[in-house]
Amino acid sequence: MPGCCRAGRCEEMFTPRVVRRSLRRYRRKGLDKIERRMVTTVPARDLDGARILEIGGGIGTIQAELLTAGAHRGEIVELVAAYEPYARELARERGLENRSRFRVADVLEQPDVVASADIVVLNRVVCCTPDGVRLTAIAARLAERRLLLSFPRDRVLVRVVVRVVNAIQHLMGRSFRVFLHSPTSLHAAAQAEGLQLGETGRGIAWEYAALHRER
């Protein structure tokens, strides 16, 4: 099935070793600059009692930060099952194990099995699939208040790095590839679902957009 193929490709890249490394890095350094800026776009009033959905959330670092900041409950939906024990470990460390849920599911294949949430996070996920624009639209549809979205910048340096990464994946016999999607197409996909573009920001290789729904 298509969903199984997507999971298999991602599992080639995001192995248990890579997942363990991401948890160690978060323990040492916390969120990076782009992720911190994404989190700060959410006003305190929108966190009170909020439900968080982190699609492709890995170990759930942004969800953990938002729960710690005042959100009520969170869910990580992942294609890669290897993330689960480390996501649960992080939740226990932060005292969030009773407020956080991890689930393996393909949102592109079965969007209706994922419940909507007040705040949806799509952090560095759209670049893992050629269907990144459609994934953004699905995430926007699920976002009752806000969508936090990050993706690689479409610039010469990043395009070169992506080509190198994809070439290495090919040489290693892997099917995983990185995809660049234009900010315009990603923003438009979310706006078509009724969200409005708010704060945006850029780093060297990544950029983010915070979108919200008028109430």
N, C-alpha and C. Protein backbone atom coordinates (compact mmCIF):
# COMPACT_ATOMS: atom_id res chain seq x y z
N MET A 1 0.84 -1.19 0.00
CA MET A 1 0.00 0.00 0.00
C MET A 1 0.88 1.25 0.00
N PRO A 2 0.39 2.39 -0.53
CA PRO A 2 1.20 3.60 -0.58
C PRO A 2 1.72 4.01 0.78
N GLY A 3 0.88 3.93 1.82
CA GLY A 3 1.32 4.32 3.15
C GLY A 3 2.47 3.49 3.64
N CYS A 4 2.43 2.18 3.38
CA CYS A 4 3.52 1.30 3.78
C CYS A 4 4.81 1.69 3.07
N CYS A 5 4.71 2.05 1.79
CA CYS A 5 5.89 2.48 1.04
C CYS A 5 6.48 3.74 1.63
N ARG A 6 5.63 4.70 2.00
CA ARG A 6 6.12 5.93 2.61
C ARG A 6 6.83 5.63 3.92
N ALA A 7 6.25 4.77 4.74
CA ALA A 7 6.87 4.42 6.02
C ALA A 7 8.22 3.76 5.79
N GLY A 8 8.28 2.85 4.84
CA GLY A 8 9.53 2.16 4.56
C GLY A 8 10.64 3.11 4.14
N ARG A 9 10.31 4.08 3.29
CA ARG A 9 11.31 5.06 2.85
C ARG A 9 11.82 5.88 4.02
N CYS A 10 10.91 6.31 4.89
CA CYS A 10 11.32 7.13 6.03
C CYS A 10 12.12 6.32 7.04
N GLU A 11 11.78 5.05 7.20
CA GLU A 11 12.51 4.20 8.14
C GLU A 11 13.94 3.98 7.70
N GLU A 12 14.21 4.07 6.38
CA GLU A 12 15.59 3.98 5.90
C GLU A 12 16.44 5.13 6.44
N MET A 13 15.83 6.28 6.58
CA MET A 13 16.55 7.48 7.00
C MET A 13 16.55 7.65 8.52
N PHE A 14 15.38 7.44 9.11
CA PHE A 14 15.22 7.72 10.54
C PHE A 14 15.26 6.40 11.31
N THR A 15 16.46 5.91 11.46
CA THR A 15 16.71 4.63 12.14
C THR A 15 16.71 4.84 13.65
N PRO A 16 16.64 3.76 14.44
CA PRO A 16 16.73 3.91 15.90
C PRO A 16 17.97 4.68 16.34
N ARG A 17 19.08 4.48 15.64
CA ARG A 17 20.30 5.22 15.99
C ARG A 17 20.11 6.72 15.80
N VAL A 18 19.50 7.12 14.69
CA VAL A 18 19.24 8.53 14.42
C VAL A 18 18.27 9.10 15.45
N VAL A 19 17.27 8.30 15.81
CA VAL A 19 16.27 8.75 16.78
C VAL A 19 16.91 8.97 18.15
N ARG A 20 17.75 8.04 18.58
CA ARG A 20 18.44 8.19 19.87
C ARG A 20 19.28 9.47 19.87
N ARG A 21 19.93 9.73 18.75
CA ARG A 21 20.77 10.93 18.65
C ARG A 21 19.92 12.20 18.78
N SER A 22 18.72 12.19 18.20
CA SER A 22 17.86 13.37 18.29
C SER A 22 17.41 13.63 19.72
N LEU A 23 17.17 12.57 20.49
CA LEU A 23 16.79 12.74 21.89
C LEU A 23 17.97 13.28 22.70
N ARG A 24 19.16 12.75 22.46
CA ARG A 24 20.34 13.25 23.17
C ARG A 24 20.58 14.72 22.86
N ARG A 25 20.43 15.09 21.60
CA ARG A 25 20.63 16.48 21.20
C ARG A 25 19.63 17.40 21.87
N TYR A 26 18.37 16.97 21.94
CA TYR A 26 17.36 17.80 22.60
C TYR A 26 17.65 17.94 24.09
N ARG A 27 18.09 16.87 24.72
CA ARG A 27 18.42 16.95 26.15
C ARG A 27 19.53 17.96 26.40
N ARG A 28 20.50 18.03 25.49
CA ARG A 28 21.63 18.94 25.67
C ARG A 28 21.29 20.38 25.32
N LYS A 29 20.55 20.56 24.22
CA LYS A 29 20.40 21.91 23.67
C LYS A 29 18.98 22.43 23.62
N GLY A 30 17.99 21.56 23.79
CA GLY A 30 16.61 22.00 23.64
C GLY A 30 16.26 22.25 22.19
N LEU A 31 15.24 23.03 21.96
CA LEU A 31 14.83 23.37 20.59
C LEU A 31 15.89 24.24 19.93
N ASP A 32 15.95 24.16 18.60
CA ASP A 32 16.86 25.08 17.90
C ASP A 32 16.17 26.43 17.71
N LYS A 33 16.89 27.36 17.09
CA LYS A 33 16.41 28.74 17.00
C LYS A 33 15.08 28.84 16.25
N ILE A 34 14.98 28.17 15.12
CA ILE A 34 13.74 28.23 14.33
C ILE A 34 12.58 27.64 15.13
N GLU A 35 12.80 26.51 15.79
CA GLU A 35 11.74 25.87 16.57
C GLU A 35 11.31 26.75 17.74
N ARG A 36 12.26 27.39 18.39
CA ARG A 36 11.90 28.29 19.51
C ARG A 36 11.04 29.44 19.01
N ARG A 37 11.40 29.97 17.85
CA ARG A 37 10.61 31.08 17.31
C ARG A 37 9.21 30.62 16.93
N MET A 38 9.09 29.40 16.42
CA MET A 38 7.77 28.86 16.11
C MET A 38 6.90 28.78 17.37
N VAL A 39 7.47 28.26 18.45
CA VAL A 39 6.73 28.10 19.69
C VAL A 39 6.28 29.44 20.24
N THR A 40 7.14 30.45 20.15
CA THR A 40 6.79 31.75 20.72
C THR A 40 5.71 32.48 19.91
N THR A 41 5.37 31.99 18.73
CA THR A 41 4.28 32.64 17.98
C THR A 41 2.91 32.32 18.56
N VAL A 42 2.84 31.32 19.44
CA VAL A 42 1.55 30.93 20.03
C VAL A 42 1.31 31.75 21.28
N PRO A 43 0.29 32.60 21.31
CA PRO A 43 0.02 33.40 22.50
C PRO A 43 -0.48 32.53 23.65
N ALA A 44 -0.22 32.96 24.87
CA ALA A 44 -0.59 32.19 26.06
C ALA A 44 -2.08 31.88 26.09
N ARG A 45 -2.90 32.80 25.61
CA ARG A 45 -4.35 32.58 25.65
C ARG A 45 -4.77 31.39 24.78
N ASP A 46 -4.00 31.09 23.75
CA ASP A 46 -4.34 29.97 22.87
C ASP A 46 -3.83 28.64 23.40
N LEU A 47 -3.02 28.67 24.44
CA LEU A 47 -2.51 27.43 25.03
C LEU A 47 -3.42 26.90 26.12
N ASP A 48 -4.18 27.77 26.73
CA ASP A 48 -5.03 27.36 27.85
C ASP A 48 -6.03 26.30 27.40
N GLY A 49 -5.87 25.08 27.90
CA GLY A 49 -6.78 23.99 27.56
C GLY A 49 -6.62 23.44 26.16
N ALA A 50 -5.57 23.84 25.46
CA ALA A 50 -5.43 23.48 24.05
C ALA A 50 -5.00 22.03 23.85
N ARG A 51 -5.43 21.47 22.73
CA ARG A 51 -4.97 20.15 22.28
C ARG A 51 -3.96 20.36 21.16
N ILE A 52 -2.84 19.64 21.26
CA ILE A 52 -1.75 19.77 20.30
C ILE A 52 -1.68 18.50 19.45
N LEU A 53 -1.51 18.67 18.16
CA LEU A 53 -1.27 17.55 17.25
C LEU A 53 0.03 17.83 16.52
N GLU A 54 1.03 16.95 16.70
CA GLU A 54 2.30 17.11 16.01
C GLU A 54 2.43 15.99 14.98
N ILE A 55 2.24 16.34 13.72
CA ILE A 55 2.28 15.37 12.62
C ILE A 55 3.74 15.16 12.19
N GLY A 56 4.16 13.91 12.15
CA GLY A 56 5.56 13.64 11.86
C GLY A 56 6.44 14.23 12.94
N GLY A 57 5.96 14.15 14.18
CA GLY A 57 6.59 14.86 15.29
C GLY A 57 7.82 14.21 15.87
N GLY A 58 8.19 13.02 15.39
CA GLY A 58 9.38 12.38 15.94
C GLY A 58 9.23 12.07 17.41
N ILE A 59 10.14 12.58 18.22
CA ILE A 59 10.06 12.35 19.67
C ILE A 59 9.14 13.36 20.35
N GLY A 60 8.61 14.32 19.59
CA GLY A 60 7.60 15.22 20.14
C GLY A 60 8.15 16.39 20.93
N THR A 61 9.24 16.97 20.47
CA THR A 61 9.85 18.05 21.24
C THR A 61 8.99 19.32 21.27
N ILE A 62 8.42 19.71 20.14
CA ILE A 62 7.59 20.93 20.14
C ILE A 62 6.32 20.70 20.94
N GLN A 63 5.72 19.52 20.79
CA GLN A 63 4.55 19.19 21.60
C GLN A 63 4.89 19.29 23.08
N ALA A 64 6.04 18.76 23.48
CA ALA A 64 6.45 18.80 24.89
C ALA A 64 6.60 20.23 25.38
N GLU A 65 7.18 21.09 24.54
CA GLU A 65 7.35 22.49 24.93
C GLU A 65 6.00 23.19 25.10
N LEU A 66 5.07 22.91 24.19
CA LEU A 66 3.76 23.55 24.28
C LEU A 66 2.96 23.03 25.46
N LEU A 67 3.08 21.74 25.76
CA LEU A 67 2.41 21.19 26.94
C LEU A 67 2.98 21.79 28.22
N THR A 68 4.28 21.92 28.27
CA THR A 68 4.93 22.52 29.43
C THR A 68 4.51 23.98 29.60
N ALA A 69 4.25 24.65 28.48
CA ALA A 69 3.88 26.06 28.52
C ALA A 69 2.41 26.29 28.85
N GLY A 70 1.60 25.21 28.93
CA GLY A 70 0.22 25.39 29.34
C GLY A 70 -0.84 24.67 28.54
N ALA A 71 -0.46 24.04 27.43
CA ALA A 71 -1.45 23.27 26.68
C ALA A 71 -1.91 22.07 27.49
N HIS A 72 -3.08 21.54 27.17
CA HIS A 72 -3.70 20.50 28.00
C HIS A 72 -3.27 19.10 27.61
N ARG A 73 -3.44 18.74 26.34
CA ARG A 73 -3.12 17.39 25.89
C ARG A 73 -2.44 17.45 24.53
N GLY A 74 -1.66 16.39 24.22
CA GLY A 74 -0.99 16.37 22.94
C GLY A 74 -0.96 14.98 22.33
N GLU A 75 -0.78 14.95 21.02
CA GLU A 75 -0.67 13.69 20.29
C GLU A 75 0.40 13.82 19.22
N ILE A 76 1.26 12.80 19.12
CA ILE A 76 2.23 12.71 18.05
C ILE A 76 1.74 11.65 17.08
N VAL A 77 1.65 11.99 15.82
CA VAL A 77 1.29 11.02 14.79
C VAL A 77 2.49 10.87 13.87
N GLU A 78 3.01 9.65 13.79
CA GLU A 78 4.27 9.38 13.09
C GLU A 78 4.12 8.22 12.12
N LEU A 79 4.90 8.28 11.04
CA LEU A 79 5.03 7.13 10.15
C LEU A 79 6.05 6.12 10.68
N VAL A 80 7.05 6.61 11.41
CA VAL A 80 8.18 5.78 11.82
C VAL A 80 7.99 5.32 13.26
N ALA A 81 7.76 4.02 13.43
CA ALA A 81 7.49 3.48 14.75
C ALA A 81 8.69 3.56 15.68
N ALA A 82 9.90 3.65 15.13
CA ALA A 82 11.11 3.70 15.96
C ALA A 82 11.13 4.89 16.91
N TYR A 83 10.37 5.92 16.61
CA TYR A 83 10.33 7.09 17.48
C TYR A 83 9.58 6.82 18.79
N GLU A 84 8.68 5.86 18.80
CA GLU A 84 7.76 5.73 19.93
C GLU A 84 8.44 5.57 21.29
N PRO A 85 9.37 4.62 21.50
CA PRO A 85 9.94 4.48 22.84
C PRO A 85 10.67 5.74 23.31
N TYR A 86 11.27 6.47 22.39
CA TYR A 86 12.00 7.67 22.77
C TYR A 86 11.05 8.84 23.03
N ALA A 87 9.94 8.87 22.30
CA ALA A 87 8.92 9.88 22.57
C ALA A 87 8.31 9.65 23.95
N ARG A 88 8.07 8.40 24.28
CA ARG A 88 7.52 8.08 25.60
C ARG A 88 8.53 8.38 26.70
N GLU A 89 9.80 8.12 26.42
CA GLU A 89 10.85 8.43 27.40
C GLU A 89 10.92 9.92 27.67
N LEU A 90 10.87 10.72 26.61
CA LEU A 90 10.88 12.16 26.78
C LEU A 90 9.66 12.64 27.56
N ALA A 91 8.49 12.10 27.24
CA ALA A 91 7.27 12.49 27.95
C ALA A 91 7.39 12.18 29.44
N ARG A 92 7.96 11.02 29.78
CA ARG A 92 8.14 10.67 31.20
C ARG A 92 9.09 11.65 31.88
N GLU A 93 10.18 11.98 31.21
CA GLU A 93 11.16 12.90 31.78
C GLU A 93 10.54 14.26 32.07
N ARG A 94 9.62 14.68 31.21
CA ARG A 94 9.00 16.00 31.37
C ARG A 94 7.73 15.96 32.20
N GLY A 95 7.38 14.77 32.71
CA GLY A 95 6.15 14.63 33.50
C GLY A 95 4.89 14.77 32.68
N LEU A 96 4.95 14.37 31.41
CA LEU A 96 3.83 14.56 30.49
C LEU A 96 3.21 13.24 30.03
N GLU A 97 3.62 12.12 30.64
CA GLU A 97 3.20 10.82 30.11
C GLU A 97 1.69 10.63 30.12
N ASN A 98 0.97 11.29 31.04
CA ASN A 98 -0.48 11.16 31.09
C ASN A 98 -1.20 12.17 30.19
N ARG A 99 -0.44 13.03 29.54
CA ARG A 99 -1.04 14.06 28.70
C ARG A 99 -0.60 13.96 27.25
N SER A 100 0.25 12.98 26.95
CA SER A 100 0.80 12.86 25.60
C SER A 100 0.54 11.46 25.06
N ARG A 101 0.19 11.39 23.80
CA ARG A 101 -0.09 10.12 23.13
C ARG A 101 0.74 10.01 21.87
N PHE A 102 1.24 8.81 21.58
CA PHE A 102 1.99 8.55 20.36
C PHE A 102 1.21 7.54 19.53
N ARG A 103 1.10 7.82 18.23
CA ARG A 103 0.36 6.91 17.36
C ARG A 103 1.06 6.80 16.00
N VAL A 104 1.15 5.59 15.48
CA VAL A 104 1.69 5.36 14.15
C VAL A 104 0.54 5.39 13.15
N ALA A 105 0.59 6.32 12.23
CA ALA A 105 -0.46 6.45 11.21
C ALA A 105 0.07 7.25 10.04
N ASP A 106 -0.52 7.03 8.88
CA ASP A 106 -0.17 7.76 7.67
C ASP A 106 -1.26 8.80 7.41
N VAL A 107 -0.98 10.04 7.73
CA VAL A 107 -1.99 11.10 7.59
C VAL A 107 -2.35 11.32 6.13
N LEU A 108 -1.40 11.13 5.23
CA LEU A 108 -1.71 11.28 3.81
C LEU A 108 -2.65 10.19 3.32
N GLU A 109 -2.46 8.98 3.83
CA GLU A 109 -3.27 7.85 3.39
C GLU A 109 -4.66 7.85 4.04
N GLN A 110 -4.71 8.20 5.34
CA GLN A 110 -5.96 8.15 6.09
C GLN A 110 -6.14 9.42 6.93
N PRO A 111 -6.37 10.55 6.31
CA PRO A 111 -6.50 11.79 7.08
C PRO A 111 -7.67 11.78 8.04
N ASP A 112 -8.70 11.01 7.75
CA ASP A 112 -9.89 11.03 8.59
C ASP A 112 -9.71 10.29 9.92
N VAL A 113 -8.62 9.51 10.06
CA VAL A 113 -8.42 8.79 11.31
C VAL A 113 -7.73 9.66 12.36
N VAL A 114 -7.32 10.86 11.96
CA VAL A 114 -6.65 11.78 12.87
C VAL A 114 -7.63 12.87 13.29
N ALA A 115 -7.77 13.05 14.60
CA ALA A 115 -8.69 14.05 15.12
C ALA A 115 -8.08 15.44 14.99
N SER A 116 -8.93 16.42 14.81
CA SER A 116 -8.46 17.81 14.74
C SER A 116 -7.93 18.24 16.10
N ALA A 117 -7.19 19.33 16.11
CA ALA A 117 -6.61 19.85 17.36
C ALA A 117 -6.58 21.37 17.28
N ASP A 118 -6.45 21.99 18.44
CA ASP A 118 -6.39 23.46 18.46
C ASP A 118 -5.15 23.95 17.72
N ILE A 119 -4.01 23.29 17.99
CA ILE A 119 -2.75 23.69 17.38
C ILE A 119 -2.13 22.48 16.71
N VAL A 120 -1.82 22.60 15.42
CA VAL A 120 -1.20 21.51 14.67
C VAL A 120 0.22 21.95 14.30
N VAL A 121 1.15 21.03 14.48
CA VAL A 121 2.56 21.30 14.19
C VAL A 121 3.02 20.40 13.05
N LEU A 122 3.66 21.01 12.07
CA LEU A 122 4.22 20.28 10.93
C LEU A 122 5.66 20.77 10.77
N ASN A 123 6.53 20.22 11.60
CA ASN A 123 7.90 20.71 11.70
C ASN A 123 8.86 19.85 10.89
N ARG A 124 9.40 20.40 9.81
CA ARG A 124 10.41 19.72 8.99
C ARG A 124 9.92 18.35 8.51
N VAL A 125 8.68 18.34 8.05
CA VAL A 125 8.06 17.09 7.60
C VAL A 125 7.73 17.12 6.12
N VAL A 126 7.30 18.28 5.61
CA VAL A 126 6.85 18.33 4.21
C VAL A 126 7.98 18.01 3.24
N CYS A 127 9.23 18.18 3.69
CA CYS A 127 10.37 17.88 2.82
C CYS A 127 10.63 16.38 2.69
N CYS A 128 9.92 15.57 3.47
CA CYS A 128 10.12 14.13 3.43
C CYS A 128 9.21 13.43 2.42
N THR A 129 8.40 14.19 1.71
CA THR A 129 7.45 13.59 0.78
C THR A 129 7.22 14.50 -0.42
N PRO A 130 7.01 13.92 -1.60
CA PRO A 130 6.64 14.75 -2.76
C PRO A 130 5.24 15.34 -2.59
N ASP A 131 4.47 14.79 -1.64
CA ASP A 131 3.11 15.27 -1.38
C ASP A 131 3.07 16.30 -0.26
N GLY A 132 4.15 17.06 -0.10
CA GLY A 132 4.23 18.02 0.99
C GLY A 132 3.15 19.09 0.97
N VAL A 133 2.77 19.53 -0.22
CA VAL A 133 1.72 20.55 -0.31
C VAL A 133 0.38 19.97 0.14
N ARG A 134 0.09 18.74 -0.28
CA ARG A 134 -1.15 18.10 0.15
C ARG A 134 -1.14 17.83 1.66
N LEU A 135 0.01 17.46 2.19
CA LEU A 135 0.11 17.23 3.63
C LEU A 135 -0.15 18.52 4.40
N THR A 136 0.35 19.63 3.87
CA THR A 136 0.09 20.92 4.50
C THR A 136 -1.40 21.24 4.50
N ALA A 137 -2.08 20.95 3.40
CA ALA A 137 -3.52 21.20 3.33
C ALA A 137 -4.27 20.36 4.36
N ILE A 138 -3.88 19.10 4.51
CA ILE A 138 -4.52 18.22 5.49
C ILE A 138 -4.29 18.76 6.90
N ALA A 139 -3.04 19.14 7.19
CA ALA A 139 -2.73 19.68 8.51
C ALA A 139 -3.52 20.94 8.79
N ALA A 140 -3.66 21.81 7.79
CA ALA A 140 -4.43 23.04 7.96
C ALA A 140 -5.89 22.74 8.24
N ARG A 141 -6.42 21.73 7.57
CA ARG A 141 -7.81 21.34 7.79
C ARG A 141 -8.03 20.85 9.22
N LEU A 142 -7.01 20.23 9.79
CA LEU A 142 -7.10 19.69 11.15
C LEU A 142 -6.87 20.75 12.22
N ALA A 143 -6.35 21.91 11.83
CA ALA A 143 -5.99 22.95 12.78
C ALA A 143 -7.20 23.84 13.09
N GLU A 144 -7.68 23.77 14.31
CA GLU A 144 -8.84 24.57 14.68
C GLU A 144 -8.46 26.02 15.00
N ARG A 145 -7.23 26.22 15.45
CA ARG A 145 -6.79 27.58 15.77
C ARG A 145 -5.53 27.97 15.01
N ARG A 146 -4.49 27.11 15.10
CA ARG A 146 -3.19 27.51 14.57
C ARG A 146 -2.47 26.33 13.90
N LEU A 147 -1.65 26.68 12.91
CA LEU A 147 -0.75 25.72 12.26
C LEU A 147 0.65 26.30 12.31
N LEU A 148 1.58 25.51 12.85
CA LEU A 148 2.99 25.87 12.87
C LEU A 148 3.69 25.01 11.84
N LEU A 149 4.31 25.64 10.86
CA LEU A 149 4.85 24.94 9.70
C LEU A 149 6.30 25.35 9.48
N SER A 150 7.19 24.37 9.27
CA SER A 150 8.57 24.70 8.90
C SER A 150 9.02 23.80 7.77
N PHE A 151 9.96 24.30 6.98
CA PHE A 151 10.38 23.60 5.76
C PHE A 151 11.70 24.19 5.28
N PRO A 152 12.45 23.46 4.43
CA PRO A 152 13.72 23.99 3.94
C PRO A 152 13.52 25.22 3.06
N ARG A 153 14.46 26.15 3.16
CA ARG A 153 14.42 27.32 2.30
C ARG A 153 14.74 26.92 0.87
N ASP A 154 14.04 27.52 -0.07
CA ASP A 154 14.30 27.25 -1.49
C ASP A 154 15.32 28.27 -1.98
N ARG A 155 16.60 27.96 -1.72
CA ARG A 155 17.69 28.83 -2.13
C ARG A 155 18.82 27.96 -2.67
N VAL A 156 19.77 28.59 -3.34
CA VAL A 156 20.81 27.84 -4.04
C VAL A 156 21.54 26.89 -3.10
N LEU A 157 21.99 27.38 -1.96
CA LEU A 157 22.76 26.56 -1.03
C LEU A 157 21.97 25.34 -0.61
N VAL A 158 20.71 25.53 -0.28
CA VAL A 158 19.87 24.42 0.18
C VAL A 158 19.63 23.43 -0.96
N ARG A 159 19.40 23.96 -2.16
CA ARG A 159 19.18 23.06 -3.30
C ARG A 159 20.41 22.18 -3.55
N VAL A 160 21.60 22.74 -3.39
CA VAL A 160 22.83 21.96 -3.56
C VAL A 160 22.91 20.86 -2.49
N VAL A 161 22.63 21.22 -1.26
CA VAL A 161 22.68 20.24 -0.17
C VAL A 161 21.67 19.12 -0.41
N VAL A 162 20.48 19.49 -0.84
CA VAL A 162 19.44 18.48 -1.11
C VAL A 162 19.90 17.53 -2.21
N ARG A 163 20.49 18.06 -3.25
CA ARG A 163 20.98 17.20 -4.34
C ARG A 163 22.05 16.23 -3.83
N VAL A 164 22.93 16.71 -2.98
CA VAL A 164 23.98 15.86 -2.42
C VAL A 164 23.38 14.77 -1.54
N VAL A 165 22.46 15.16 -0.67
CA VAL A 165 21.81 14.18 0.20
C VAL A 165 21.10 13.12 -0.63
N ASN A 166 20.37 13.54 -1.63
CA ASN A 166 19.64 12.58 -2.47
C ASN A 166 20.59 11.68 -3.26
N ALA A 167 21.71 12.24 -3.69
CA ALA A 167 22.69 11.43 -4.41
C ALA A 167 23.28 10.36 -3.48
N ILE A 168 23.55 10.74 -2.25
CA ILE A 168 24.08 9.78 -1.28
C ILE A 168 23.06 8.68 -1.01
N GLN A 169 21.80 9.07 -0.86
CA GLN A 169 20.75 8.08 -0.64
C GLN A 169 20.68 7.10 -1.80
N HIS A 170 20.81 7.62 -3.02
CA HIS A 170 20.79 6.77 -4.21
C HIS A 170 21.97 5.79 -4.22
N LEU A 171 23.15 6.30 -3.91
CA LEU A 171 24.34 5.45 -3.90
C LEU A 171 24.26 4.36 -2.84
N MET A 172 23.56 4.65 -1.76
CA MET A 172 23.40 3.68 -0.67
C MET A 172 22.26 2.69 -0.94
N GLY A 173 21.59 2.87 -2.09
CA GLY A 173 20.49 1.98 -2.43
C GLY A 173 19.21 2.24 -1.67
N ARG A 174 19.07 3.45 -1.16
CA ARG A 174 17.87 3.81 -0.41
C ARG A 174 16.89 4.57 -1.30
N SER A 175 15.62 4.48 -0.96
CA SER A 175 14.60 5.17 -1.75
C SER A 175 14.17 6.49 -1.12
N PHE A 176 14.64 6.79 0.09
CA PHE A 176 14.28 8.06 0.73
C PHE A 176 14.88 9.22 -0.05
N ARG A 177 14.08 10.28 -0.24
CA ARG A 177 14.55 11.49 -0.91
C ARG A 177 14.02 12.71 -0.15
N VAL A 178 14.75 13.81 -0.29
CA VAL A 178 14.33 15.09 0.27
C VAL A 178 13.71 15.92 -0.85
N PHE A 179 12.63 16.65 -0.53
CA PHE A 179 11.91 17.43 -1.54
C PHE A 179 11.79 18.88 -1.08
N LEU A 180 11.97 19.79 -2.01
CA LEU A 180 11.77 21.21 -1.74
C LEU A 180 10.41 21.62 -2.29
N HIS A 181 9.67 22.36 -1.47
CA HIS A 181 8.37 22.90 -1.89
C HIS A 181 8.42 24.41 -1.70
N SER A 182 7.87 25.13 -2.64
CA SER A 182 7.94 26.59 -2.56
C SER A 182 7.08 27.10 -1.40
N PRO A 183 7.56 28.12 -0.69
CA PRO A 183 6.74 28.72 0.37
C PRO A 183 5.36 29.15 -0.13
N THR A 184 5.31 29.69 -1.34
CA THR A 184 4.03 30.15 -1.88
C THR A 184 3.02 29.02 -1.96
N SER A 185 3.45 27.86 -2.44
CA SER A 185 2.52 26.74 -2.58
C SER A 185 2.09 26.20 -1.21
N LEU A 186 3.00 26.18 -0.25
CA LEU A 186 2.66 25.70 1.09
C LEU A 186 1.71 26.66 1.79
N HIS A 187 2.01 27.95 1.70
CA HIS A 187 1.12 28.95 2.30
C HIS A 187 -0.26 28.88 1.66
N ALA A 188 -0.29 28.78 0.35
CA ALA A 188 -1.58 28.75 -0.37
C ALA A 188 -2.41 27.54 0.03
N ALA A 189 -1.76 26.40 0.23
CA ALA A 189 -2.48 25.19 0.63
C ALA A 189 -3.16 25.38 1.98
N ALA A 190 -2.47 26.03 2.90
CA ALA A 190 -3.05 26.28 4.22
C ALA A 190 -4.13 27.35 4.15
N GLN A 191 -3.89 28.38 3.37
CA GLN A 191 -4.87 29.46 3.26
C GLN A 191 -6.15 28.98 2.59
N ALA A 192 -6.04 28.02 1.69
CA ALA A 192 -7.23 27.47 1.03
C ALA A 192 -8.13 26.75 2.03
N GLU A 193 -7.57 26.37 3.18
CA GLU A 193 -8.35 25.71 4.23
C GLU A 193 -8.83 26.69 5.28
N GLY A 194 -8.72 27.98 4.99
CA GLY A 194 -9.28 29.01 5.88
C GLY A 194 -8.31 29.62 6.87
N LEU A 195 -7.03 29.30 6.78
CA LEU A 195 -6.05 29.88 7.69
C LEU A 195 -5.47 31.16 7.10
N GLN A 196 -5.04 32.04 7.98
CA GLN A 196 -4.41 33.28 7.56
C GLN A 196 -2.94 33.27 7.96
N LEU A 197 -2.10 33.77 7.07
CA LEU A 197 -0.67 33.79 7.32
C LEU A 197 -0.33 34.88 8.32
N GLY A 198 0.39 34.49 9.36
CA GLY A 198 0.84 35.44 10.36
C GLY A 198 2.34 35.63 10.28
N GLU A 199 3.02 35.30 11.37
CA GLU A 199 4.47 35.51 11.43
C GLU A 199 5.22 34.50 10.57
N THR A 200 6.27 34.96 9.93
CA THR A 200 7.18 34.09 9.19
C THR A 200 8.60 34.43 9.60
N GLY A 201 9.52 33.51 9.37
CA GLY A 201 10.92 33.77 9.71
C GLY A 201 11.82 32.80 9.00
N ARG A 202 13.11 33.17 8.91
CA ARG A 202 14.08 32.36 8.18
C ARG A 202 15.37 32.20 8.96
N GLY A 203 15.96 31.03 8.79
CA GLY A 203 17.33 30.80 9.21
C GLY A 203 18.18 30.58 7.98
N ILE A 204 19.34 29.97 8.15
CA ILE A 204 20.22 29.71 7.01
C ILE A 204 19.60 28.69 6.06
N ALA A 205 19.06 27.61 6.64
CA ALA A 205 18.58 26.51 5.81
C ALA A 205 17.08 26.27 5.92
N TRP A 206 16.46 26.80 6.99
CA TRP A 206 15.05 26.51 7.23
C TRP A 206 14.26 27.80 7.38
N GLU A 207 12.97 27.71 7.13
CA GLU A 207 12.07 28.82 7.42
C GLU A 207 10.77 28.30 8.00
N TYR A 208 10.03 29.20 8.61
CA TYR A 208 8.77 28.78 9.24
C TYR A 208 7.66 29.77 8.93
N ALA A 209 6.44 29.30 9.11
CA ALA A 209 5.26 30.14 8.98
C ALA A 209 4.29 29.75 10.08
N ALA A 210 3.72 30.76 10.73
CA ALA A 210 2.68 30.54 11.73
C ALA A 210 1.37 31.05 11.15
N LEU A 211 0.41 30.16 11.00
CA LEU A 211 -0.88 30.52 10.42
C LEU A 211 -1.97 30.35 11.47
N HIS A 212 -3.02 31.13 11.35
CA HIS A 212 -4.09 31.08 12.36
C HIS A 212 -5.45 31.17 11.68
N ARG A 213 -6.43 30.73 12.43
CA ARG A 213 -7.82 30.78 11.94
C ARG A 213 -8.56 31.88 12.70
N GLU A 214 -9.21 32.76 11.97
CA GLU A 214 -9.98 33.82 12.60
C GLU A 214 -11.16 33.23 13.35
N ARG A 215 -11.40 33.78 14.56
CA ARG A 215 -12.52 33.27 15.36
C ARG A 215 -13.49 34.39 15.66
